[in-house]
């Protein structure tokens, strides 16, 4: 049986380097996605406050729990065209 440390071989170093780079890329992608979610929620918060006042801010805790970016975009876009906070609430239910 051969006894060696894979990390001490050129192939092992290449494997570890590739894995490390993939991990960094994945971390960057997750960070970007988190930033998008946070920015989108902030835009929704502002829209809800400006258009619906206190009635709109009551929905914010539910909106902030939403992690589906497509649903958040739909909510953001709906703020422009709906006339009541209740219509936004219906999007949260469906």
C-alpha atoms as a PDB file:
ATOM      1  CA  UNK A   1       0.000   0.000   0.000  1.00  0.00           C
ATOM      2  CA  UNK A   2       1.287   3.431  -0.938  1.00  0.00           C
ATOM      3  CA  UNK A   3       1.257   6.050   1.739  1.00  0.00           C
ATOM      4  CA  UNK A   4       1.357   9.664   0.543  1.00  0.00           C
ATOM      5  CA  UNK A   5      -0.426  12.960   1.016  1.00  0.00           C
ATOM      6  CA  UNK A   6      -2.464  13.851  -2.069  1.00  0.00           C
ATOM      7  CA  UNK A   7      -2.012  17.522  -1.270  1.00  0.00           C
ATOM      8  CA  UNK A   8       1.725  17.139  -1.761  1.00  0.00           C
ATOM      9  CA  UNK A   9       1.345  15.942  -5.349  1.00  0.00           C
ATOM     10  CA  UNK A  10       0.902  18.227  -8.357  1.00  0.00           C
ATOM     11  CA  UNK A  11      -2.379  16.525  -9.266  1.00  0.00           C
ATOM     12  CA  UNK A  12      -3.591  16.866  -5.701  1.00  0.00           C
ATOM     13  CA  UNK A  13      -2.714  20.547  -5.611  1.00  0.00           C
ATOM     14  CA  UNK A  14      -4.579  21.075  -8.904  1.00  0.00           C
ATOM     15  CA  UNK A  15      -7.652  19.288  -7.526  1.00  0.00           C
ATOM     16  CA  UNK A  16      -7.627  21.324  -4.318  1.00  0.00           C
ATOM     17  CA  UNK A  17      -7.057  24.560  -6.242  1.00  0.00           C
ATOM     18  CA  UNK A  18      -9.973  23.808  -8.579  1.00  0.00           C
ATOM     19  CA  UNK A  19     -12.217  22.957  -5.630  1.00  0.00           C
ATOM     20  CA  UNK A  20     -11.235  26.129  -3.832  1.00  0.00           C
ATOM     21  CA  UNK A  21     -11.960  28.251  -6.921  1.00  0.00           C
ATOM     22  CA  UNK A  22     -15.340  26.568  -7.387  1.00  0.00           C
ATOM     23  CA  UNK A  23     -16.142  27.274  -3.750  1.00  0.00           C
ATOM     24  CA  UNK A  24     -15.203  30.929  -4.135  1.00  0.00           C
ATOM     25  CA  UNK A  25     -17.331  31.256  -7.285  1.00  0.00           C
ATOM     26  CA  UNK A  26     -20.285  29.645  -5.527  1.00  0.00           C
ATOM     27  CA  UNK A  27     -19.878  32.023  -2.598  1.00  0.00           C
ATOM     28  CA  UNK A  28     -19.796  35.015  -4.917  1.00  0.00           C
ATOM     29  CA  UNK A  29     -22.945  33.838  -6.712  1.00  0.00           C
ATOM     30  CA  UNK A  30     -24.763  33.355  -3.413  1.00  0.00           C
ATOM     31  CA  UNK A  31     -23.663  36.822  -2.297  1.00  0.00           C
ATOM     32  CA  UNK A  32     -24.939  38.388  -5.497  1.00  0.00           C
ATOM     33  CA  UNK A  33     -28.264  36.575  -5.143  1.00  0.00           C
ATOM     34  CA  UNK A  34     -28.589  37.702  -1.526  1.00  0.00           C
ATOM     35  CA  UNK A  35     -27.866  41.283  -2.590  1.00  0.00           C
ATOM     36  CA  UNK A  36     -30.549  41.093  -5.269  1.00  0.00           C
ATOM     37  CA  UNK A  37     -33.092  39.816  -2.766  1.00  0.00           C
ATOM     38  CA  UNK A  38     -32.237  42.504  -0.236  1.00  0.00           C
ATOM     39  CA  UNK A  39     -32.378  45.270  -2.853  1.00  0.00           C
ATOM     40  CA  UNK A  40     -35.657  44.021  -4.224  1.00  0.00           C
ATOM     41  CA  UNK A  41     -37.216  43.826  -0.771  1.00  0.00           C
ATOM     42  CA  UNK A  42     -35.999  47.352  -0.042  1.00  0.00           C
ATOM     43  CA  UNK A  43     -37.608  48.612  -3.277  1.00  0.00           C
ATOM     44  CA  UNK A  44     -40.854  46.853  -2.368  1.00  0.00           C
ATOM     45  CA  UNK A  45     -40.728  48.316   1.144  1.00  0.00           C
ATOM     46  CA  UNK A  46     -40.382  51.823  -0.257  1.00  0.00           C
ATOM     47  CA  UNK A  47     -43.152  51.308  -2.793  1.00  0.00           C
ATOM     48  CA  UNK A  48     -45.516  49.894  -0.197  1.00  0.00           C
ATOM     49  CA  UNK A  49     -44.847  52.742   2.227  1.00  0.00           C
ATOM     50  CA  UNK A  50     -45.238  55.459  -0.385  1.00  0.00           C
ATOM     51  CA  UNK A  51     -48.309  54.071  -2.122  1.00  0.00           C
ATOM     52  CA  UNK A  52     -50.250  52.451   0.715  1.00  0.00           C
ATOM     53  CA  UNK A  53     -48.898  53.979   3.923  1.00  0.00           C
ATOM     54  CA  UNK A  54     -49.545  52.072   7.156  1.00  0.00           C
ATOM     55  CA  UNK A  55     -51.773  49.557   5.387  1.00  0.00           C
ATOM     56  CA  UNK A  56     -48.914  48.631   3.085  1.00  0.00           C
ATOM     57  CA  UNK A  57     -46.310  48.375   5.826  1.00  0.00           C
ATOM     58  CA  UNK A  58     -48.432  45.772   7.609  1.00  0.00           C
ATOM     59  CA  UNK A  59     -47.592  43.357   4.788  1.00  0.00           C
ATOM     60  CA  UNK A  60     -43.835  43.896   4.975  1.00  0.00           C
ATOM     61  CA  UNK A  61     -43.068  41.088   7.449  1.00  0.00           C
ATOM     62  CA  UNK A  62     -44.692  38.592   5.075  1.00  0.00           C
ATOM     63  CA  UNK A  63     -42.954  40.078   2.048  1.00  0.00           C
ATOM     64  CA  UNK A  64     -39.570  39.997   3.800  1.00  0.00           C
ATOM     65  CA  UNK A  65     -39.953  36.253   4.389  1.00  0.00           C
ATOM     66  CA  UNK A  66     -40.426  35.597   0.663  1.00  0.00           C
ATOM     67  CA  UNK A  67     -37.317  34.066  -0.920  1.00  0.00           C
ATOM     68  CA  UNK A  68     -38.662  33.450  -4.434  1.00  0.00           C
ATOM     69  CA  UNK A  69     -37.072  36.227  -6.478  1.00  0.00           C
ATOM     70  CA  UNK A  70     -39.626  35.866  -9.275  1.00  0.00           C
ATOM     71  CA  UNK A  71     -42.490  36.362  -6.850  1.00  0.00           C
ATOM     72  CA  UNK A  72     -40.739  39.419  -5.400  1.00  0.00           C
ATOM     73  CA  UNK A  73     -40.348  40.903  -8.874  1.00  0.00           C
ATOM     74  CA  UNK A  74     -44.052  40.276  -9.473  1.00  0.00           C
ATOM     75  CA  UNK A  75     -44.893  42.078  -6.221  1.00  0.00           C
ATOM     76  CA  UNK A  76     -42.636  45.006  -7.127  1.00  0.00           C
ATOM     77  CA  UNK A  77     -44.213  45.305 -10.561  1.00  0.00           C
ATOM     78  CA  UNK A  78     -47.726  44.985  -9.143  1.00  0.00           C
ATOM     79  CA  UNK A  79     -47.220  47.937  -6.792  1.00  0.00           C
ATOM     80  CA  UNK A  80     -47.254  50.207  -9.855  1.00  0.00           C
ATOM     81  CA  UNK A  81     -50.617  49.026 -11.151  1.00  0.00           C
ATOM     82  CA  UNK A  82     -52.733  47.884  -8.212  1.00  0.00           C
ATOM     83  CA  UNK A  83     -54.874  50.295  -6.257  1.00  0.00           C
ATOM     84  CA  UNK A  84     -54.996  48.626  -2.831  1.00  0.00           C
ATOM     85  CA  UNK A  85     -52.604  46.822  -0.491  1.00  0.00           C
ATOM     86  CA  UNK A  86     -55.150  44.002  -0.445  1.00  0.00           C
ATOM     87  CA  UNK A  87     -54.273  43.242  -4.069  1.00  0.00           C
ATOM     88  CA  UNK A  88     -50.627  42.832  -3.045  1.00  0.00           C
ATOM     89  CA  UNK A  89     -51.715  40.589  -0.179  1.00  0.00           C
ATOM     90  CA  UNK A  90     -53.485  38.355  -2.692  1.00  0.00           C
ATOM     91  CA  UNK A  91     -50.151  37.864  -4.486  1.00  0.00           C
ATOM     92  CA  UNK A  92     -48.646  36.651  -1.216  1.00  0.00           C
ATOM     93  CA  UNK A  93     -51.375  34.048  -0.799  1.00  0.00           C
ATOM     94  CA  UNK A  94     -51.182  32.608  -4.319  1.00  0.00           C
END
